[in-house]
Amino acid sequence: MGCDDSQILVSETNNGFEGVEKKLEIIFDPKNANTTLSDTTFGEAAGGVPKVGLRRISASTWSELLAVARCSILDSDSNDYFDSYILSESSLFVYSYHIMIKTCGRTVPLLMVPYLLVVAERCCNLPASCLSAIRYSRKNFLYPQDQPWPHSSWQHEIVALDSVVRISQSPPLDESTTTTATTTSGGSLKKKEKAAPTAAVSAETGSQTQTLPPITILADLPPSMFEVSAFSARESDGQLQALFGSPFVFGNAASECWYLWTHKFGAQPVPSPSLSSLPSASTVMATLEVMMHALPPQVTDVFHDTHPAFTTVESVMAASRLQSCLAPSATYKGALFHPCGFSLNAMHNECYTTVHVTPESDCSFASFECSFPHPTAGGQFDIRAVSDMLSTVLATFQPGRFSAALVLPPDSPLQQDEYHFQFRPNKDVREGWTVTHRTASDIHDGTGVSVLHAR
């Protein structure tokens, strides 16, 4: 993505724009919720399927949440399975019991989480006891010194994530001492004491809006409020240990690496992201992320407003050959940034694809992520489809260096050597690349992860 005027307010530094994204996933298990409320219909998706769970959160409430993370909604779309939001800095996907948000620049998505957990409880009847897993990941930043707390270092991010788990296990908040936050034109947050009950979040109720109590957020609190002194970590066989969760570093932190933090709660995930009443309800999701640096001018030129194709999303898609990276029947929406930059969200049944391009020559970066339906235990997963997609993306963007991460849900066959070996570009694309790091791991909750870095 590029730096338009709105992004300069929160992202202006002496360096270039930080295209590397922070990815956060939160997964709920609704079985601990009140089933009467949980099963109530609040609005409908495009195909008439009831919206339940997290999809009951209104766009206006998401706007408030995203303001805490220092980004905003540019466009949205919806189908029977999930809601898609294009953000000023990347994307948000909302399934009934699973959200995925990834944000670039100097955004602070981790500061949104405590607020989101309260919204999930009050809007969606999903209390913290329904939490199944939280997962956070990112590649190493191009300009780490420009990131605000808690994204100023991996250790600080672990502190914040550790505190999120601790907060989720705390008693309910005392509403008599709650505060809300407002945003200034510069994107900073200002505390407002004793907010009126009307300053509330809302849930979609068809033609009605449900008013909810004020919410306490942590976005404007200092790091000490996250109990930094209580944090303890140590290096053991290359793996960082923390009070809660499991942090991992795949690669060399001094050069190319991919960070992952994951925590599994007591609740068990529903097959995500499908609903039991929807087609393909037995599937869960596998994801492929490709993070690419040093894009050549023949690739980046089309993402500048000086290029003749930079007039519509469709013309940019055609000129950049991005259409080849999408499923044939996928629907999509995109955003053009001035003077440069591009974002795209695509939907294909329960699967998503998201693409973000920062084309400036001094900090060129593109990210691609897509999800694949993955059969439950005992089924077959076609790793060739993943490698084919990786090859297509690399052929489209022609990066000077890239990192790729494949995440497979529990009971995946990643532990089989042939799957790990086959996760690589096809031979015709692979020639000329040198793989500098490759790791395959089954992390504590059974999730399979395979990561490679190449240049």
Protein backbone atom coordinates (compact mmCIF):
# COMPACT_ATOMS: atom_id res chain seq x y z
CA MET A 1 0.00 0.00 0.00
CA GLY A 2 1.08 3.58 -0.45
CA CYS A 3 1.01 6.64 1.77
CA ASP A 4 -2.04 8.72 0.91
CA ASP A 5 -2.92 11.85 2.88
CA SER A 6 -4.90 9.98 5.53
CA GLN A 7 -2.04 7.57 6.16
CA ILE A 8 0.50 10.36 6.59
CA LEU A 9 -1.35 11.37 9.76
CA VAL A 10 -0.35 8.13 11.48
CA SER A 11 2.50 6.84 9.35
CA GLU A 12 4.75 9.77 8.51
CA THR A 13 8.38 9.14 9.44
CA ASN A 14 11.77 9.86 7.99
CA ASN A 15 11.71 6.40 6.44
CA GLY A 16 9.47 4.81 3.83
CA PHE A 17 6.08 3.25 4.38
CA GLU A 18 6.03 -0.01 6.36
CA GLY A 19 4.26 -2.47 4.10
CA VAL A 20 4.88 -5.49 6.35
CA GLU A 21 1.63 -6.41 8.08
CA LYS A 22 0.69 -7.52 11.55
CA LYS A 23 -1.80 -10.38 11.40
CA LEU A 24 -4.14 -11.21 14.26
CA GLU A 25 -6.65 -14.07 14.45
CA ILE A 26 -9.18 -14.64 17.22
CA ILE A 27 -11.26 -17.82 17.24
CA PHE A 28 -14.27 -18.51 19.47
CA ASP A 29 -16.19 -21.64 20.40
CA PRO A 30 -19.87 -20.73 20.86
CA LYS A 31 -20.81 -23.76 22.96
CA ASN A 32 -20.21 -21.84 26.21
CA ALA A 33 -22.52 -19.01 25.13
CA ASN A 34 -26.21 -18.74 25.92
CA THR A 35 -27.61 -20.77 23.04
CA THR A 36 -30.90 -18.89 23.01
CA LEU A 37 -29.13 -15.60 22.32
CA SER A 38 -26.36 -17.15 20.24
CA ASP A 39 -28.84 -18.65 17.79
CA THR A 40 -30.86 -15.45 17.34
CA THR A 41 -30.81 -13.98 13.85
CA PHE A 42 -29.36 -10.45 13.65
CA GLY A 43 -29.45 -9.39 9.99
CA GLU A 44 -28.72 -11.50 6.94
CA ALA A 45 -25.77 -12.06 4.62
CA ALA A 46 -25.98 -11.40 0.89
CA GLY A 47 -27.53 -14.80 0.19
CA GLY A 48 -30.12 -14.59 2.95
CA VAL A 49 -28.18 -16.75 5.43
CA PRO A 50 -28.59 -15.52 9.03
CA LYS A 51 -25.70 -13.54 10.47
CA VAL A 52 -24.77 -14.89 13.88
CA GLY A 53 -21.80 -14.67 16.23
CA LEU A 54 -19.22 -12.04 15.38
CA ARG A 55 -21.06 -11.13 12.19
CA ARG A 56 -23.63 -9.42 14.41
CA ILE A 57 -21.12 -6.62 15.04
CA SER A 58 -22.20 -3.61 13.01
CA ALA A 59 -19.94 -1.73 10.59
CA SER A 60 -20.17 1.35 12.82
CA THR A 61 -18.87 -0.62 15.80
CA TRP A 62 -16.05 -2.05 13.67
CA SER A 63 -15.18 1.52 12.75
CA GLU A 64 -14.84 2.37 16.45
CA LEU A 65 -12.72 -0.71 17.07
CA LEU A 66 -10.49 -0.01 14.09
CA ALA A 67 -9.99 3.59 15.22
CA VAL A 68 -8.25 2.13 18.28
CA ALA A 69 -5.94 0.23 15.91
CA ARG A 70 -5.42 3.47 13.91
CA CYS A 71 -7.08 2.50 10.66
CA SER A 72 -10.49 2.83 9.03
CA ILE A 73 -12.93 1.06 6.69
CA LEU A 74 -12.78 2.00 3.00
CA ASP A 75 -15.14 -0.61 1.53
CA SER A 76 -16.87 -3.86 2.43
CA ASP A 77 -18.50 -6.93 0.95
CA SER A 78 -20.35 -9.98 2.25
CA ASN A 79 -21.41 -13.48 1.28
CA ASP A 80 -23.02 -16.44 3.03
CA TYR A 81 -19.82 -17.28 4.89
CA PHE A 82 -18.08 -14.08 5.98
CA ASP A 83 -17.82 -10.30 5.80
CA SER A 84 -14.87 -8.60 4.08
CA TYR A 85 -13.58 -5.12 4.88
CA ILE A 86 -10.93 -3.20 2.95
CA LEU A 87 -9.10 -0.97 5.41
CA SER A 88 -7.02 2.15 5.03
CA GLU A 89 -4.17 -0.15 6.06
CA SER A 90 -4.95 -3.66 4.73
CA SER A 91 -7.90 -5.96 5.57
CA LEU A 92 -10.38 -7.44 8.02
CA PHE A 93 -12.36 -10.68 7.54
CA VAL A 94 -15.17 -11.57 9.92
CA TYR A 95 -16.64 -15.07 10.13
CA SER A 96 -19.26 -16.11 12.67
CA TYR A 97 -16.70 -17.27 15.23
CA HIS A 98 -13.38 -16.25 13.71
CA ILE A 99 -11.86 -12.90 12.77
CA MET A 100 -8.66 -12.19 10.89
CA ILE A 101 -7.24 -8.69 10.71
CA LYS A 102 -3.96 -7.65 9.13
CA THR A 103 -2.73 -4.08 9.18
CA CYS A 104 0.38 -2.36 7.85
CA GLY A 105 2.02 1.01 8.50
CA ARG A 106 2.17 2.20 12.12
CA THR A 107 -1.11 0.60 13.15
CA VAL A 108 -1.56 -0.98 16.59
CA PRO A 109 -4.01 -3.90 16.22
CA LEU A 110 -3.04 -5.50 19.53
CA LEU A 111 -4.39 -2.50 21.40
CA MET A 112 -7.80 -3.22 19.88
CA VAL A 113 -8.08 -6.72 21.33
CA PRO A 114 -9.30 -5.94 24.90
CA TYR A 115 -11.98 -3.67 23.42
CA LEU A 116 -12.95 -6.35 20.89
CA LEU A 117 -13.33 -8.99 23.61
CA VAL A 118 -15.82 -6.77 25.43
CA VAL A 119 -17.71 -6.12 22.19
CA ALA A 120 -17.81 -9.86 21.47
CA GLU A 121 -19.36 -10.49 24.87
CA ARG A 122 -21.88 -7.65 24.80
CA CYS A 123 -22.79 -7.65 21.10
CA CYS A 124 -22.45 -11.33 20.25
CA ASN A 125 -22.93 -13.15 23.56
CA LEU A 126 -19.40 -14.57 23.23
CA PRO A 127 -17.68 -14.10 26.61
CA ALA A 128 -14.02 -14.83 27.19
CA SER A 129 -14.98 -18.35 28.28
CA CYS A 130 -15.81 -18.98 24.61
CA LEU A 131 -12.29 -18.14 23.42
CA SER A 132 -10.67 -21.03 21.58
CA ALA A 133 -7.42 -19.52 20.26
CA ILE A 134 -5.58 -16.29 19.58
CA ARG A 135 -2.82 -16.23 16.99
CA TYR A 136 -0.55 -13.32 16.03
CA SER A 137 2.11 -13.32 13.33
CA ARG A 138 4.21 -11.00 11.21
CA LYS A 139 7.40 -10.83 9.20
CA ASN A 140 10.28 -8.75 10.53
CA PHE A 141 9.70 -5.06 9.87
CA LEU A 142 11.60 -3.00 7.34
CA TYR A 143 11.58 -0.03 9.74
CA PRO A 144 11.18 -1.50 13.23
CA GLN A 145 12.33 1.69 14.92
CA ASP A 146 9.24 3.50 13.60
CA GLN A 147 6.68 1.16 15.15
CA PRO A 148 4.69 2.44 18.14
CA TRP A 149 4.30 0.41 21.32
CA PRO A 150 3.51 -2.48 21.63
CA HIS A 151 4.76 -3.25 18.12
CA SER A 152 8.11 -1.62 18.87
CA SER A 153 9.66 -5.06 19.45
CA TRP A 154 8.75 -8.74 19.45
CA GLN A 155 9.20 -8.83 23.24
CA HIS A 156 6.78 -5.93 23.67
CA GLU A 157 4.23 -7.66 21.46
CA ILE A 158 4.52 -10.78 23.62
CA VAL A 159 3.93 -8.61 26.70
CA ALA A 160 0.75 -7.22 25.19
CA LEU A 161 -0.48 -10.64 24.04
CA ASP A 162 0.33 -12.11 27.44
CA SER A 163 -1.75 -9.32 29.00
CA VAL A 164 -4.65 -9.99 26.64
CA VAL A 165 -4.82 -13.57 27.92
CA ARG A 166 -4.60 -12.33 31.51
CA ILE A 167 -7.37 -9.78 30.86
CA SER A 168 -9.57 -12.45 29.29
CA GLN A 169 -9.29 -14.48 32.49
CA SER A 170 -10.17 -11.52 34.75
CA PRO A 171 -13.59 -10.82 36.29
CA PRO A 172 -15.99 -8.64 34.27
CA LEU A 173 -15.20 -4.96 34.14
CA ASP A 174 -16.82 -2.58 36.60
CA GLU A 175 -18.96 -0.43 34.32
CA SER A 176 -19.08 2.39 36.89
CA THR A 177 -15.46 3.22 36.13
CA THR A 178 -15.48 2.66 32.40
CA THR A 179 -14.20 5.13 29.87
CA THR A 180 -14.43 5.41 26.14
CA ALA A 181 -12.00 6.85 23.63
CA THR A 182 -12.30 9.37 20.86
CA THR A 183 -9.88 9.97 18.02
CA THR A 184 -8.33 13.25 17.04
CA SER A 185 -7.67 14.25 13.44
CA GLY A 186 -4.14 12.99 13.84
CA GLY A 187 -5.22 9.49 14.74
CA SER A 188 -4.18 9.68 18.41
CA LEU A 189 -6.52 8.68 21.20
CA LYS A 190 -7.91 10.88 23.93
CA LYS A 191 -9.53 9.52 27.06
CA LYS A 192 -13.04 10.72 27.89
CA GLU A 193 -14.00 10.16 31.53
CA LYS A 194 -17.42 8.82 32.57
CA ALA A 195 -18.84 8.46 29.10
CA ALA A 196 -22.59 8.76 28.76
CA PRO A 197 -24.49 5.51 28.17
CA THR A 198 -25.33 6.74 24.67
CA ALA A 199 -21.64 6.55 23.71
CA ALA A 200 -21.96 2.86 23.09
CA VAL A 201 -21.35 0.14 20.55
CA SER A 202 -24.17 -1.41 18.56
CA ALA A 203 -25.20 -4.80 17.25
CA GLU A 204 -27.09 -5.30 14.01
CA THR A 205 -30.69 -6.27 14.83
CA GLY A 206 -32.26 -6.10 11.42
CA SER A 207 -34.00 -2.73 11.41
CA GLN A 208 -33.11 -1.91 15.03
CA THR A 209 -29.92 -0.92 16.85
CA GLN A 210 -29.19 -2.30 20.30
CA THR A 211 -27.56 0.21 22.68
CA LEU A 212 -24.86 -1.28 24.86
CA PRO A 213 -22.97 -0.05 27.95
CA PRO A 214 -19.75 1.99 27.68
CA ILE A 215 -16.56 0.01 27.16
CA THR A 216 -13.16 0.28 28.78
CA ILE A 217 -10.29 0.20 26.32
CA LEU A 218 -6.53 0.16 26.87
CA ALA A 219 -5.30 1.99 23.78
CA ASP A 220 -4.21 5.15 25.57
CA LEU A 221 -2.72 3.49 28.65
CA PRO A 222 1.06 3.32 29.18
CA PRO A 223 2.98 0.07 28.85
CA SER A 224 3.07 -0.31 32.62
CA MET A 225 -0.66 -1.01 32.55
CA PHE A 226 0.13 -4.25 30.73
CA GLU A 227 2.22 -5.39 33.70
CA VAL A 228 5.54 -5.45 31.89
CA SER A 229 7.24 -6.33 35.18
CA ALA A 230 5.26 -9.57 35.33
CA PHE A 231 6.54 -10.71 31.96
CA SER A 232 9.22 -13.38 31.90
CA ALA A 233 10.78 -14.93 28.82
CA ARG A 234 13.78 -17.05 28.05
CA GLU A 235 15.49 -18.57 25.04
CA SER A 236 15.39 -22.34 24.90
CA ASP A 237 16.42 -24.20 21.76
CA GLY A 238 15.54 -21.18 19.66
CA GLN A 239 12.00 -20.91 21.06
CA LEU A 240 10.88 -18.01 23.23
CA GLN A 241 8.92 -19.05 26.31
CA ALA A 242 6.38 -16.73 27.93
CA LEU A 243 3.85 -16.84 30.75
CA PHE A 244 1.00 -17.45 28.32
CA GLY A 245 1.06 -18.60 24.74
CA SER A 246 3.87 -19.99 22.64
CA PRO A 247 6.15 -17.59 20.71
CA PHE A 248 8.17 -18.85 17.74
CA VAL A 249 10.77 -17.27 15.46
CA PHE A 250 11.13 -18.93 12.06
CA GLY A 251 14.37 -17.78 10.48
CA ASN A 252 17.12 -15.40 11.51
CA ALA A 253 15.87 -12.37 13.46
CA ALA A 254 18.89 -10.41 12.22
CA SER A 255 17.92 -10.88 8.55
CA GLU A 256 14.72 -12.63 7.45
CA CYS A 257 12.28 -14.14 9.91
CA TRP A 258 8.60 -14.76 10.54
CA TYR A 259 7.26 -14.38 14.07
CA LEU A 260 4.35 -16.39 15.44
CA TRP A 261 2.60 -16.28 18.82
CA THR A 262 -0.28 -18.62 19.55
CA HIS A 263 -2.34 -19.43 22.61
CA LYS A 264 -4.97 -22.15 22.92
CA PHE A 265 -7.74 -21.67 25.45
CA GLY A 266 -9.88 -24.37 27.01
CA ALA A 267 -12.67 -24.03 24.48
CA GLN A 268 -12.43 -26.06 21.30
CA PRO A 269 -12.75 -24.35 17.90
CA VAL A 270 -15.74 -24.99 15.70
CA PRO A 271 -14.81 -25.95 12.14
CA SER A 272 -13.79 -22.45 11.10
CA PRO A 273 -15.11 -20.42 9.44
CA SER A 274 -18.24 -22.34 8.40
CA LEU A 275 -21.59 -22.50 10.14
CA SER A 276 -23.33 -25.81 10.64
CA SER A 277 -26.18 -24.57 8.45
CA LEU A 278 -23.91 -23.66 5.53
CA PRO A 279 -22.42 -25.75 2.73
CA SER A 280 -18.95 -27.22 3.35
CA ALA A 281 -19.52 -27.09 7.10
CA SER A 282 -17.00 -29.88 7.66
CA THR A 283 -14.07 -27.84 6.33
CA VAL A 284 -11.53 -25.80 8.23
CA MET A 285 -9.08 -23.37 6.70
CA ALA A 286 -5.48 -23.57 5.61
CA THR A 287 -3.72 -20.31 4.71
CA LEU A 288 -0.83 -19.34 2.48
CA GLU A 289 0.99 -16.04 3.03
CA VAL A 290 3.61 -14.68 0.64
CA MET A 291 5.57 -11.58 1.72
CA MET A 292 7.67 -10.04 -1.05
CA HIS A 293 10.35 -7.32 -1.08
CA ALA A 294 12.36 -5.56 -3.80
CA LEU A 295 9.77 -5.58 -6.56
CA PRO A 296 11.05 -4.60 -10.03
CA PRO A 297 9.84 -1.38 -11.74
CA GLN A 298 7.99 -3.30 -14.45
CA VAL A 299 5.80 -4.71 -11.67
CA THR A 300 5.41 -1.63 -9.44
CA ASP A 301 4.76 0.95 -12.19
CA VAL A 302 1.14 -0.11 -12.64
CA PHE A 303 0.42 0.68 -8.97
CA HIS A 304 1.28 4.39 -9.37
CA ASP A 305 -1.28 6.98 -10.43
CA THR A 306 1.05 8.03 -13.26
CA HIS A 307 0.38 4.72 -15.02
CA PRO A 308 -2.45 4.79 -17.63
CA ALA A 309 -4.03 1.65 -16.12
CA PHE A 310 -4.28 3.24 -12.66
CA THR A 311 -7.88 4.35 -13.18
CA THR A 312 -10.00 1.46 -11.91
CA VAL A 313 -9.41 -1.67 -9.87
CA GLU A 314 -10.33 -3.77 -12.90
CA SER A 315 -7.78 -2.09 -15.17
CA VAL A 316 -5.03 -2.50 -12.56
CA MET A 317 -5.99 -6.16 -12.16
CA ALA A 318 -5.65 -6.70 -15.91
CA ALA A 319 -2.38 -4.78 -16.31
CA SER A 320 -0.74 -6.46 -13.30
CA ARG A 321 -1.97 -10.00 -14.12
CA LEU A 322 -3.35 -10.26 -10.60
CA GLN A 323 -6.46 -11.99 -11.93
CA SER A 324 -4.35 -15.14 -12.36
CA CYS A 325 -3.93 -15.26 -8.57
CA LEU A 326 -7.68 -15.52 -7.91
CA ALA A 327 -10.16 -18.36 -8.23
CA PRO A 328 -12.07 -18.03 -11.56
CA SER A 329 -15.42 -17.44 -9.85
CA ALA A 330 -14.11 -15.16 -7.09
CA THR A 331 -15.70 -11.77 -6.53
CA TYR A 332 -13.51 -8.89 -5.43
CA LYS A 333 -13.30 -5.28 -4.37
CA GLY A 334 -10.20 -3.13 -4.30
CA ALA A 335 -8.83 0.31 -3.47
CA LEU A 336 -6.42 2.57 -5.33
CA PHE A 337 -4.26 4.87 -3.20
CA HIS A 338 -2.84 8.18 -4.39
CA PRO A 339 -0.15 8.79 -5.39
CA CYS A 340 0.45 5.03 -5.24
CA GLY A 341 -0.62 1.80 -3.60
CA PHE A 342 -3.21 -0.93 -4.06
CA SER A 343 -5.41 -3.21 -1.94
CA LEU A 344 -7.67 -6.08 -2.92
CA ASN A 345 -10.05 -8.41 -1.07
CA ALA A 346 -11.57 -11.37 -2.93
CA MET A 347 -14.23 -13.86 -1.81
CA HIS A 348 -14.81 -17.38 -3.12
CA ASN A 349 -17.34 -19.31 -1.03
CA GLU A 350 -15.74 -19.60 2.43
CA CYS A 351 -12.25 -18.69 1.16
CA TYR A 352 -10.64 -15.27 0.98
CA THR A 353 -7.73 -13.75 -0.92
CA THR A 354 -6.13 -10.45 0.03
CA VAL A 355 -3.39 -8.52 -1.78
CA HIS A 356 -1.63 -5.32 -0.72
CA VAL A 357 1.06 -3.49 -2.67
CA THR A 358 3.44 -0.78 -1.49
CA PRO A 359 5.18 0.17 -4.76
CA GLU A 360 7.58 2.94 -3.65
CA SER A 361 11.04 2.10 -4.95
CA ASP A 362 12.80 2.57 -1.60
CA CYS A 363 10.41 0.31 0.33
CA SER A 364 8.62 -1.80 -2.27
CA PHE A 365 6.62 -4.63 -0.75
CA ALA A 366 3.68 -6.80 -1.67
CA SER A 367 1.74 -9.27 0.44
CA PHE A 368 -0.53 -12.02 -0.79
CA GLU A 369 -2.65 -14.27 1.39
CA CYS A 370 -5.30 -16.82 0.53
CA SER A 371 -7.19 -19.53 2.36
CA PHE A 372 -7.89 -23.07 1.19
CA PRO A 373 -10.68 -25.39 2.32
CA HIS A 374 -8.99 -28.19 4.22
CA PRO A 375 -10.74 -31.53 4.86
CA THR A 376 -11.04 -32.70 8.44
CA ALA A 377 -8.93 -35.54 9.77
CA GLY A 378 -8.68 -38.41 7.34
CA GLY A 379 -9.16 -36.29 4.23
CA GLN A 380 -6.56 -35.46 1.60
CA PHE A 381 -4.97 -32.04 1.23
CA ASP A 382 -3.50 -31.16 -2.15
CA ILE A 383 -0.18 -29.50 -1.38
CA ARG A 384 0.34 -29.09 -5.12
CA ALA A 385 -2.44 -26.50 -5.21
CA VAL A 386 -0.55 -24.49 -2.61
CA SER A 387 2.76 -24.75 -4.48
CA ASP A 388 1.01 -23.83 -7.73
CA MET A 389 -0.44 -20.71 -6.08
CA LEU A 390 2.94 -19.79 -4.62
CA SER A 391 4.49 -20.09 -8.06
CA THR A 392 1.76 -17.97 -9.66
CA VAL A 393 2.20 -15.22 -7.09
CA LEU A 394 5.99 -15.16 -7.46
CA ALA A 395 5.70 -15.06 -11.26
CA THR A 396 3.27 -12.14 -10.97
CA PHE A 397 5.33 -9.99 -8.58
CA GLN A 398 8.90 -11.13 -9.40
CA PRO A 399 10.31 -10.11 -6.00
CA GLY A 400 14.01 -9.86 -5.21
CA ARG A 401 13.38 -11.79 -1.98
CA PHE A 402 10.37 -13.35 -0.33
CA SER A 403 9.08 -15.25 2.66
CA ALA A 404 6.21 -17.73 2.56
CA ALA A 405 4.23 -19.27 5.41
CA LEU A 406 1.80 -22.16 5.12
CA VAL A 407 -0.46 -22.74 8.14
CA LEU A 408 -2.53 -25.92 8.30
CA PRO A 409 -5.14 -26.62 10.98
CA PRO A 410 -4.87 -29.43 13.54
CA ASP A 411 -4.88 -32.99 12.17
CA SER A 412 -3.20 -31.80 8.98
CA PRO A 413 -0.68 -34.04 7.23
CA LEU A 414 2.13 -31.47 7.44
CA GLN A 415 4.19 -33.78 9.58
CA GLN A 416 4.64 -35.99 6.54
CA ASP A 417 7.98 -35.20 4.94
CA GLU A 418 6.63 -35.02 1.41
CA TYR A 419 4.29 -32.15 2.33
CA HIS A 420 7.11 -30.11 3.79
CA PHE A 421 9.33 -30.85 0.83
CA GLN A 422 6.66 -30.00 -1.73
CA PHE A 423 5.93 -26.59 -0.18
CA ARG A 424 8.09 -24.63 -2.59
CA PRO A 425 7.75 -22.88 -5.95
CA ASN A 426 7.42 -25.07 -9.01
CA LYS A 427 10.63 -25.88 -10.87
CA ASP A 428 10.10 -23.35 -13.67
CA VAL A 429 9.75 -20.56 -11.09
CA ARG A 430 12.24 -21.95 -8.57
CA GLU A 431 15.30 -21.60 -10.79
CA GLY A 432 17.44 -18.72 -9.61
CA TRP A 433 16.08 -18.70 -6.04
CA THR A 434 18.27 -19.61 -3.09
CA VAL A 435 16.34 -20.85 -0.07
CA THR A 436 18.02 -19.35 3.00
CA HIS A 437 15.74 -20.95 5.60
CA ARG A 438 13.13 -23.69 5.74
CA THR A 439 11.23 -24.92 8.80
CA ALA A 440 8.28 -27.22 9.37
CA SER A 441 6.72 -27.55 12.80
CA ASP A 442 3.63 -28.89 14.52
CA ILE A 443 3.00 -26.36 17.27
CA HIS A 444 1.41 -27.15 20.60
CA ASP A 445 -2.24 -27.13 19.50
CA GLY A 446 -1.59 -29.42 16.53
CA THR A 447 -1.47 -26.60 13.98
CA GLY A 448 1.08 -27.26 11.25
CA VAL A 449 3.40 -24.47 10.11
CA SER A 450 5.87 -24.50 7.22
CA VAL A 451 7.98 -21.40 6.54
CA LEU A 452 10.60 -20.65 3.92
CA HIS A 453 12.71 -17.58 3.11
CA ALA A 454 14.40 -17.18 -0.27
CA ARG A 455 16.27 -14.62 -2.31
